[in-house]
């Protein structure tokens, strides 16, 4: 008796997952069907930049990421810096760092300053903001350990490439 509702629920979950997940497959000619793609050294945006980020793009920001609970943001100018900020005034700015490719769809940036250490992982995987419902082409994991903190902060959020 309980097997039918469980089976129905299981099929429903699989169907929801398959409609909310986009898979990136690169052809030999380097074409893609997603709007953004992680290339060898940079993160590129193939679609129009969202209106809310155009001012940041004009200022030279290549990538932006945000997260909720707690709120935080990352701005990256690949030639100049990675900047982590929070609404309560915490800021950590690092010099530019070269990305390490974990796999074809994941980049890892690691930097350390006298204020602390930052590890930014950017995955070419669709991300849904859990508060606004907006979607982004990148899922971001951030681990940040400020000198004043006892333990690292592990944060998750969504990212957008502002680079053409």
N, C-alpha and C. Protein backbone atom coordinates (compact mmCIF):
# COMPACT_ATOMS: atom_id res chain seq x y z
N UNK A 1 0.81 -1.19 0.00
CA UNK A 1 0.00 0.00 0.00
C UNK A 1 0.86 1.26 0.00
N UNK A 2 1.95 1.28 0.78
CA UNK A 2 2.81 2.45 0.84
C UNK A 2 3.79 2.51 -0.31
N UNK A 3 3.90 1.43 -1.07
CA UNK A 3 4.87 1.38 -2.15
C UNK A 3 4.47 2.30 -3.30
N UNK A 4 3.21 2.38 -3.62
CA UNK A 4 2.75 3.20 -4.75
C UNK A 4 2.99 4.69 -4.49
N UNK A 5 2.59 5.25 -3.32
CA UNK A 5 2.89 6.68 -3.09
C UNK A 5 4.40 6.96 -3.08
N UNK A 6 5.18 6.09 -2.48
CA UNK A 6 6.63 6.29 -2.45
C UNK A 6 7.20 6.27 -3.86
N UNK A 7 6.78 5.31 -4.67
CA UNK A 7 7.26 5.21 -6.04
C UNK A 7 6.87 6.45 -6.84
N UNK A 8 5.63 6.93 -6.66
CA UNK A 8 5.17 8.13 -7.35
C UNK A 8 6.01 9.34 -6.92
N UNK A 9 6.26 9.47 -5.61
CA UNK A 9 7.09 10.55 -5.11
C UNK A 9 8.50 10.47 -5.71
N UNK A 10 9.07 9.28 -5.77
CA UNK A 10 10.41 9.07 -6.32
C UNK A 10 10.45 9.52 -7.78
N UNK A 11 9.46 9.11 -8.58
CA UNK A 11 9.42 9.52 -9.99
C UNK A 11 9.25 11.03 -10.13
N UNK A 12 8.44 11.62 -9.26
CA UNK A 12 8.24 13.06 -9.27
C UNK A 12 9.56 13.78 -9.00
N UNK A 13 10.33 13.32 -8.03
CA UNK A 13 11.61 13.94 -7.69
C UNK A 13 12.59 13.84 -8.86
N UNK A 14 12.63 12.71 -9.52
CA UNK A 14 13.51 12.53 -10.67
C UNK A 14 13.10 13.48 -11.79
N UNK A 15 11.81 13.60 -12.04
CA UNK A 15 11.32 14.48 -13.10
C UNK A 15 11.66 15.93 -12.79
N UNK A 16 11.49 16.35 -11.53
CA UNK A 16 11.81 17.73 -11.15
C UNK A 16 13.30 17.99 -11.32
N UNK A 17 14.11 17.04 -10.90
CA UNK A 17 15.56 17.22 -11.02
C UNK A 17 15.98 17.33 -12.47
N UNK A 18 15.39 16.53 -13.32
CA UNK A 18 15.81 16.56 -14.72
C UNK A 18 15.37 17.84 -15.42
N UNK A 19 14.27 18.47 -14.97
CA UNK A 19 13.84 19.71 -15.62
C UNK A 19 14.58 20.92 -15.07
N UNK A 20 15.13 20.84 -13.85
CA UNK A 20 15.83 21.97 -13.27
C UNK A 20 17.33 21.94 -13.48
N UNK A 21 17.85 20.88 -14.01
CA UNK A 21 19.29 20.74 -14.19
C UNK A 21 19.64 20.80 -15.66
N UNK A 22 20.62 21.63 -15.99
CA UNK A 22 21.09 21.71 -17.37
C UNK A 22 22.46 21.07 -17.42
N UNK A 23 22.68 20.26 -18.42
CA UNK A 23 23.96 19.59 -18.58
C UNK A 23 24.72 20.26 -19.70
N UNK A 24 25.99 20.55 -19.45
CA UNK A 24 26.83 21.17 -20.45
C UNK A 24 27.62 20.07 -21.15
N UNK A 25 27.51 20.01 -22.44
CA UNK A 25 28.30 19.08 -23.22
C UNK A 25 28.97 19.86 -24.33
N UNK A 26 30.29 19.77 -24.39
CA UNK A 26 31.03 20.45 -25.43
C UNK A 26 31.26 19.52 -26.60
N UNK A 27 31.02 20.02 -27.76
CA UNK A 27 31.32 19.26 -28.97
C UNK A 27 32.79 19.49 -29.33
N UNK A 28 33.30 18.69 -30.26
CA UNK A 28 34.69 18.83 -30.67
C UNK A 28 34.98 20.19 -31.26
N UNK A 29 33.98 20.85 -31.81
CA UNK A 29 34.20 22.17 -32.40
C UNK A 29 34.07 23.29 -31.37
N UNK A 30 34.05 22.94 -30.08
CA UNK A 30 34.02 23.88 -28.97
C UNK A 30 32.74 24.71 -28.92
N UNK A 31 31.63 24.14 -29.39
CA UNK A 31 30.36 24.85 -29.29
C UNK A 31 29.66 24.40 -28.02
N UNK A 32 28.75 25.21 -27.53
CA UNK A 32 28.02 24.89 -26.32
C UNK A 32 26.60 25.42 -26.44
N UNK A 33 25.69 24.85 -25.67
CA UNK A 33 24.31 25.30 -25.72
C UNK A 33 23.96 26.19 -24.54
N UNK A 34 24.83 26.28 -23.55
CA UNK A 34 24.58 27.17 -22.42
C UNK A 34 25.01 28.59 -22.76
N UNK A 35 24.49 29.56 -22.01
CA UNK A 35 24.84 30.95 -22.25
C UNK A 35 26.24 31.31 -21.76
N UNK A 36 26.79 30.53 -20.84
CA UNK A 36 28.12 30.82 -20.33
C UNK A 36 28.94 29.54 -20.32
N UNK A 37 30.24 29.71 -20.33
CA UNK A 37 31.11 28.54 -20.35
C UNK A 37 32.44 28.89 -19.70
N UNK A 38 33.00 27.95 -18.95
CA UNK A 38 34.33 28.14 -18.40
C UNK A 38 35.31 27.69 -19.46
N UNK A 39 36.11 28.62 -19.92
CA UNK A 39 37.15 28.31 -20.90
C UNK A 39 38.42 27.93 -20.14
N UNK A 40 39.50 27.74 -20.84
CA UNK A 40 40.74 27.31 -20.23
C UNK A 40 41.20 28.24 -19.11
N UNK A 41 41.27 29.53 -19.36
CA UNK A 41 41.79 30.45 -18.37
C UNK A 41 40.77 31.45 -17.83
N UNK A 42 39.68 31.65 -18.52
CA UNK A 42 38.73 32.67 -18.10
C UNK A 42 37.32 32.14 -18.13
N UNK A 43 36.44 32.87 -17.48
CA UNK A 43 35.02 32.55 -17.47
C UNK A 43 34.36 33.52 -18.42
N UNK A 44 33.64 33.01 -19.41
CA UNK A 44 33.11 33.85 -20.47
C UNK A 44 31.59 33.83 -20.46
N UNK A 45 30.98 34.95 -20.78
CA UNK A 45 29.53 35.07 -20.86
C UNK A 45 29.16 35.23 -22.32
N UNK A 46 28.28 34.37 -22.81
CA UNK A 46 27.85 34.44 -24.21
C UNK A 46 26.48 35.08 -24.38
N UNK A 47 25.83 35.44 -23.26
CA UNK A 47 24.52 36.06 -23.33
C UNK A 47 24.61 37.51 -22.86
N UNK A 48 23.56 38.29 -23.07
CA UNK A 48 23.59 39.69 -22.62
C UNK A 48 23.79 39.76 -21.10
N UNK A 49 24.54 40.75 -20.66
CA UNK A 49 24.79 40.94 -19.23
C UNK A 49 23.49 41.46 -18.59
N UNK A 50 23.09 40.89 -17.44
CA UNK A 50 21.87 41.36 -16.78
C UNK A 50 21.97 42.86 -16.45
N UNK A 51 20.87 43.55 -16.58
CA UNK A 51 20.83 45.00 -16.38
C UNK A 51 21.43 45.41 -15.03
N UNK A 52 21.15 44.65 -13.98
CA UNK A 52 21.61 45.03 -12.64
C UNK A 52 23.14 44.96 -12.50
N UNK A 53 23.83 44.29 -13.43
CA UNK A 53 25.29 44.16 -13.33
C UNK A 53 26.03 44.98 -14.39
N UNK A 54 25.34 45.73 -15.23
CA UNK A 54 26.00 46.47 -16.31
C UNK A 54 26.99 47.51 -15.80
N UNK A 55 26.67 48.17 -14.69
CA UNK A 55 27.58 49.16 -14.13
C UNK A 55 28.88 48.49 -13.64
N UNK A 56 28.76 47.34 -13.04
CA UNK A 56 29.94 46.58 -12.58
C UNK A 56 30.78 46.15 -13.79
N UNK A 57 30.13 45.70 -14.84
CA UNK A 57 30.85 45.27 -16.05
C UNK A 57 31.61 46.46 -16.65
N UNK A 58 30.97 47.63 -16.68
CA UNK A 58 31.61 48.82 -17.22
C UNK A 58 32.82 49.24 -16.38
N UNK A 59 32.80 48.90 -15.08
CA UNK A 59 33.92 49.23 -14.19
C UNK A 59 35.04 48.21 -14.27
N UNK A 60 34.86 47.17 -15.10
CA UNK A 60 35.93 46.19 -15.30
C UNK A 60 35.79 44.89 -14.52
N UNK A 61 34.67 44.71 -13.83
CA UNK A 61 34.45 43.47 -13.08
C UNK A 61 34.13 42.37 -14.08
N UNK A 62 34.84 41.24 -13.97
CA UNK A 62 34.67 40.10 -14.89
C UNK A 62 33.66 39.08 -14.38
N UNK A 63 33.57 38.95 -13.06
CA UNK A 63 32.70 37.92 -12.48
C UNK A 63 32.18 38.43 -11.15
N UNK A 64 30.91 38.13 -10.87
CA UNK A 64 30.30 38.53 -9.61
C UNK A 64 29.53 37.34 -9.05
N UNK A 65 29.59 37.18 -7.74
CA UNK A 65 28.85 36.10 -7.08
C UNK A 65 28.24 36.65 -5.80
N UNK A 66 27.08 36.13 -5.45
CA UNK A 66 26.40 36.54 -4.22
C UNK A 66 25.82 35.33 -3.52
N UNK A 67 25.65 35.48 -2.22
CA UNK A 67 25.05 34.42 -1.42
C UNK A 67 24.19 35.00 -0.32
N UNK A 68 23.33 34.16 0.23
CA UNK A 68 22.39 34.58 1.26
C UNK A 68 22.62 33.81 2.56
N UNK A 69 22.20 34.43 3.63
CA UNK A 69 22.16 33.82 4.96
C UNK A 69 23.45 33.12 5.34
N UNK A 70 24.51 33.79 5.60
CA UNK A 70 24.65 35.25 5.66
C UNK A 70 24.88 35.84 4.26
N UNK A 71 24.52 37.11 4.10
CA UNK A 71 24.72 37.78 2.83
C UNK A 71 26.20 38.06 2.61
N UNK A 72 26.65 37.87 1.38
CA UNK A 72 28.04 38.12 0.99
C UNK A 72 28.09 38.33 -0.51
N UNK A 73 29.22 38.89 -0.98
CA UNK A 73 29.41 39.02 -2.42
C UNK A 73 30.89 38.90 -2.75
N UNK A 74 31.14 38.50 -3.98
CA UNK A 74 32.49 38.42 -4.55
C UNK A 74 32.46 39.22 -5.85
N UNK A 75 33.45 40.07 -6.03
CA UNK A 75 33.68 40.72 -7.31
C UNK A 75 35.09 40.34 -7.74
N UNK A 76 35.23 39.95 -9.01
CA UNK A 76 36.54 39.57 -9.50
C UNK A 76 36.86 40.32 -10.78
N UNK A 77 38.00 40.99 -10.76
CA UNK A 77 38.62 41.52 -11.96
C UNK A 77 39.82 40.61 -12.17
N UNK A 78 39.78 39.76 -13.17
CA UNK A 78 40.80 38.72 -13.34
C UNK A 78 42.21 39.27 -13.42
N UNK A 79 42.37 40.54 -13.82
CA UNK A 79 43.69 41.14 -13.94
C UNK A 79 44.12 41.90 -12.68
N UNK A 80 43.18 42.16 -11.75
CA UNK A 80 43.50 43.04 -10.63
C UNK A 80 43.23 42.47 -9.24
N UNK A 81 42.08 41.84 -9.01
CA UNK A 81 41.75 41.44 -7.63
C UNK A 81 40.57 40.47 -7.58
N UNK A 82 40.40 39.90 -6.39
CA UNK A 82 39.17 39.23 -5.97
C UNK A 82 38.78 39.93 -4.68
N UNK A 83 37.54 40.40 -4.59
CA UNK A 83 37.09 41.14 -3.41
C UNK A 83 35.86 40.48 -2.81
N UNK A 84 35.98 40.09 -1.54
CA UNK A 84 34.87 39.53 -0.76
C UNK A 84 34.35 40.64 0.15
N UNK A 85 33.03 40.84 0.18
CA UNK A 85 32.44 41.83 1.07
C UNK A 85 31.16 41.30 1.69
N UNK A 86 30.81 41.88 2.84
CA UNK A 86 29.55 41.57 3.51
C UNK A 86 28.86 42.89 3.83
N UNK A 87 27.54 42.88 4.03
CA UNK A 87 26.84 44.12 4.36
C UNK A 87 27.29 44.76 5.68
N UNK A 88 27.87 43.96 6.58
CA UNK A 88 28.31 44.53 7.87
C UNK A 88 29.74 45.08 7.82
N UNK A 89 30.28 45.26 6.62
CA UNK A 89 31.54 45.95 6.47
C UNK A 89 32.79 45.09 6.40
N UNK A 90 32.67 43.79 6.42
CA UNK A 90 33.84 42.92 6.30
C UNK A 90 34.27 42.91 4.84
N UNK A 91 35.57 43.09 4.61
CA UNK A 91 36.09 43.07 3.25
C UNK A 91 37.46 42.40 3.24
N UNK A 92 37.67 41.56 2.24
CA UNK A 92 38.96 40.93 2.01
C UNK A 92 39.24 41.06 0.52
N UNK A 93 40.30 41.76 0.17
CA UNK A 93 40.69 41.93 -1.23
C UNK A 93 42.03 41.26 -1.43
N UNK A 94 42.11 40.41 -2.44
CA UNK A 94 43.35 39.70 -2.75
C UNK A 94 43.88 40.18 -4.09
N UNK A 95 45.15 39.97 -4.33
CA UNK A 95 45.68 40.25 -5.67
C UNK A 95 45.10 39.23 -6.65
N UNK A 96 45.26 39.46 -7.95
CA UNK A 96 44.74 38.49 -8.92
C UNK A 96 45.46 37.15 -8.76
N UNK A 97 44.71 36.08 -8.95
CA UNK A 97 45.30 34.75 -8.90
C UNK A 97 44.87 33.96 -10.13
N UNK A 98 45.71 33.08 -10.56
CA UNK A 98 45.42 32.22 -11.70
C UNK A 98 44.51 31.07 -11.23
N UNK A 99 43.52 30.77 -12.01
CA UNK A 99 42.61 29.67 -11.68
C UNK A 99 43.29 28.34 -11.92
N UNK A 100 42.93 27.38 -11.10
CA UNK A 100 43.35 26.00 -11.28
C UNK A 100 42.12 25.25 -11.76
N UNK A 101 42.26 24.51 -12.85
CA UNK A 101 41.13 23.73 -13.37
C UNK A 101 41.03 22.43 -12.59
N UNK A 102 39.90 22.24 -11.93
CA UNK A 102 39.65 20.99 -11.23
C UNK A 102 39.15 19.96 -12.24
N UNK A 103 38.27 20.40 -13.11
CA UNK A 103 37.80 19.60 -14.25
C UNK A 103 37.36 20.58 -15.32
N UNK A 104 36.74 20.09 -16.39
CA UNK A 104 36.39 20.98 -17.50
C UNK A 104 35.34 22.02 -17.14
N UNK A 105 34.60 21.81 -16.04
CA UNK A 105 33.53 22.74 -15.68
C UNK A 105 33.76 23.43 -14.34
N UNK A 106 34.95 23.29 -13.74
CA UNK A 106 35.19 23.85 -12.41
C UNK A 106 36.55 24.54 -12.34
N UNK A 107 36.53 25.76 -11.81
CA UNK A 107 37.76 26.53 -11.58
C UNK A 107 37.90 26.79 -10.09
N UNK A 108 39.15 26.78 -9.62
CA UNK A 108 39.43 27.04 -8.22
C UNK A 108 40.45 28.17 -8.12
N UNK A 109 40.10 29.20 -7.34
CA UNK A 109 40.98 30.33 -7.08
C UNK A 109 41.33 30.30 -5.60
N UNK A 110 42.60 30.34 -5.26
CA UNK A 110 43.05 30.36 -3.88
C UNK A 110 43.99 31.52 -3.69
N UNK A 111 43.76 32.32 -2.65
CA UNK A 111 44.61 33.48 -2.37
C UNK A 111 44.69 33.70 -0.87
N UNK A 112 45.80 34.28 -0.45
CA UNK A 112 46.00 34.58 0.97
C UNK A 112 46.62 35.97 1.09
N UNK A 113 46.12 36.75 2.06
CA UNK A 113 46.67 38.06 2.36
C UNK A 113 46.92 38.11 3.87
N UNK A 114 47.39 39.26 4.35
CA UNK A 114 47.60 39.40 5.78
C UNK A 114 46.28 39.40 6.56
N UNK A 115 45.15 39.61 5.89
CA UNK A 115 43.83 39.59 6.55
C UNK A 115 43.22 38.20 6.62
N UNK A 116 43.63 37.31 5.71
CA UNK A 116 43.05 35.97 5.73
C UNK A 116 43.24 35.24 4.42
N UNK A 117 42.55 34.11 4.33
CA UNK A 117 42.68 33.23 3.17
C UNK A 117 41.30 33.02 2.52
N UNK A 118 41.30 32.97 1.19
CA UNK A 118 40.08 32.82 0.41
C UNK A 118 40.26 31.67 -0.57
N UNK A 119 39.25 30.82 -0.66
CA UNK A 119 39.22 29.75 -1.66
C UNK A 119 37.87 29.82 -2.36
N UNK A 120 37.91 30.12 -3.64
CA UNK A 120 36.70 30.33 -4.44
C UNK A 120 36.61 29.26 -5.52
N UNK A 121 35.54 28.48 -5.46
CA UNK A 121 35.32 27.43 -6.46
C UNK A 121 34.12 27.83 -7.31
N UNK A 122 34.32 27.90 -8.63
CA UNK A 122 33.27 28.31 -9.56
C UNK A 122 32.98 27.14 -10.48
N UNK A 123 31.72 26.69 -10.46
CA UNK A 123 31.30 25.55 -11.27
C UNK A 123 30.31 25.98 -12.33
N UNK A 124 30.49 25.50 -13.54
CA UNK A 124 29.58 25.79 -14.64
C UNK A 124 28.36 24.88 -14.47
N UNK A 125 27.53 25.26 -13.48
CA UNK A 125 26.34 24.50 -13.13
C UNK A 125 25.26 25.51 -12.74
N UNK A 126 24.09 25.39 -13.32
CA UNK A 126 23.00 26.34 -13.07
C UNK A 126 22.73 26.42 -11.58
N UNK A 127 22.56 27.65 -11.10
CA UNK A 127 22.31 27.91 -9.68
C UNK A 127 21.03 28.72 -9.55
N UNK A 128 20.19 28.34 -8.60
CA UNK A 128 18.96 29.07 -8.32
C UNK A 128 19.12 29.77 -6.98
N UNK A 129 18.97 31.09 -6.95
CA UNK A 129 19.06 31.85 -5.71
C UNK A 129 17.90 31.43 -4.81
N UNK A 130 18.21 30.99 -3.60
CA UNK A 130 17.18 30.45 -2.72
C UNK A 130 16.23 31.50 -2.15
N UNK A 131 16.55 32.79 -2.30
CA UNK A 131 15.63 33.83 -1.82
C UNK A 131 14.84 34.46 -2.97
N UNK A 132 15.52 34.81 -4.06
CA UNK A 132 14.84 35.52 -5.14
C UNK A 132 14.28 34.58 -6.21
N UNK A 133 14.85 33.38 -6.32
CA UNK A 133 14.43 32.47 -7.38
C UNK A 133 15.12 32.72 -8.70
N UNK A 134 15.98 33.75 -8.77
CA UNK A 134 16.73 34.04 -9.99
C UNK A 134 17.71 32.91 -10.29
N UNK A 135 17.96 32.68 -11.57
CA UNK A 135 18.92 31.65 -11.94
C UNK A 135 20.19 32.30 -12.49
N UNK A 136 21.29 31.63 -12.25
CA UNK A 136 22.61 32.05 -12.76
C UNK A 136 23.26 30.83 -13.38
N UNK A 137 24.22 31.06 -14.24
CA UNK A 137 24.89 29.96 -14.92
C UNK A 137 25.93 29.27 -14.07
N UNK A 138 26.34 29.91 -12.95
CA UNK A 138 27.41 29.34 -12.14
C UNK A 138 26.99 29.11 -10.70
N UNK A 139 27.43 28.00 -10.14
CA UNK A 139 27.30 27.70 -8.73
C UNK A 139 28.65 27.99 -8.10
N UNK A 140 28.64 28.66 -6.96
CA UNK A 140 29.87 29.10 -6.31
C UNK A 140 29.94 28.56 -4.89
N UNK A 141 31.11 28.05 -4.53
CA UNK A 141 31.42 27.66 -3.15
C UNK A 141 32.59 28.51 -2.71
N UNK A 142 32.47 29.11 -1.55
CA UNK A 142 33.49 30.01 -1.03
C UNK A 142 33.86 29.58 0.38
N UNK A 143 35.14 29.41 0.62
CA UNK A 143 35.65 29.18 1.96
C UNK A 143 36.56 30.35 2.27
N UNK A 144 36.26 31.04 3.37
CA UNK A 144 37.05 32.20 3.73
C UNK A 144 37.42 32.10 5.21
N UNK A 145 38.69 32.32 5.49
CA UNK A 145 39.19 32.26 6.87
C UNK A 145 39.90 33.57 7.15
N UNK A 146 39.20 34.47 7.85
CA UNK A 146 39.81 35.73 8.26
C UNK A 146 40.67 35.48 9.49
N UNK A 147 41.73 36.25 9.64
CA UNK A 147 42.65 36.07 10.77
C UNK A 147 41.92 36.12 12.11
N UNK A 148 40.90 36.97 12.21
CA UNK A 148 40.18 37.13 13.48
C UNK A 148 39.18 35.99 13.76
N UNK A 149 38.88 35.18 12.74
CA UNK A 149 37.91 34.10 12.91
C UNK A 149 38.58 32.85 13.49
N UNK A 150 37.84 32.14 14.35
CA UNK A 150 38.34 30.88 14.88
C UNK A 150 38.35 29.79 13.82
N UNK A 151 37.29 29.76 13.03
CA UNK A 151 37.19 28.72 12.00
C UNK A 151 36.75 29.35 10.68
N UNK A 152 36.99 28.65 9.58
CA UNK A 152 36.62 29.21 8.26
C UNK A 152 35.10 29.31 8.08
N UNK A 153 34.71 30.25 7.27
CA UNK A 153 33.31 30.39 6.86
C UNK A 153 33.16 29.63 5.55
N UNK A 154 32.19 28.76 5.46
CA UNK A 154 31.92 28.01 4.23
C UNK A 154 30.59 28.53 3.70
N UNK A 155 30.65 29.14 2.53
CA UNK A 155 29.49 29.83 1.96
C UNK A 155 29.17 29.29 0.57
N UNK A 156 27.91 29.41 0.18
CA UNK A 156 27.46 28.94 -1.12
C UNK A 156 26.62 30.03 -1.77
N UNK A 157 26.69 30.12 -3.08
CA UNK A 157 25.92 31.12 -3.78
C UNK A 157 25.93 30.92 -5.28
N UNK A 158 25.51 31.95 -5.98
CA UNK A 158 25.36 31.90 -7.44
C UNK A 158 26.25 32.99 -8.06
N UNK A 159 26.75 32.70 -9.26
CA UNK A 159 27.64 33.64 -9.93
C UNK A 159 27.25 33.93 -11.36
N UNK A 160 27.71 35.09 -11.83
CA UNK A 160 27.43 35.54 -13.20
C UNK A 160 28.71 36.09 -13.81
N UNK A 161 29.02 35.68 -15.01
CA UNK A 161 30.14 36.25 -15.75
C UNK A 161 29.70 37.55 -16.39
N UNK A 162 30.52 38.57 -16.24
CA UNK A 162 30.25 39.87 -16.86
C UNK A 162 31.19 40.12 -18.01
N UNK A 163 31.93 39.12 -18.38
CA UNK A 163 32.95 39.24 -19.41
C UNK A 163 32.40 38.76 -20.75
N UNK A 164 32.65 39.55 -21.77
CA UNK A 164 32.24 39.17 -23.14
C UNK A 164 33.39 38.54 -23.85
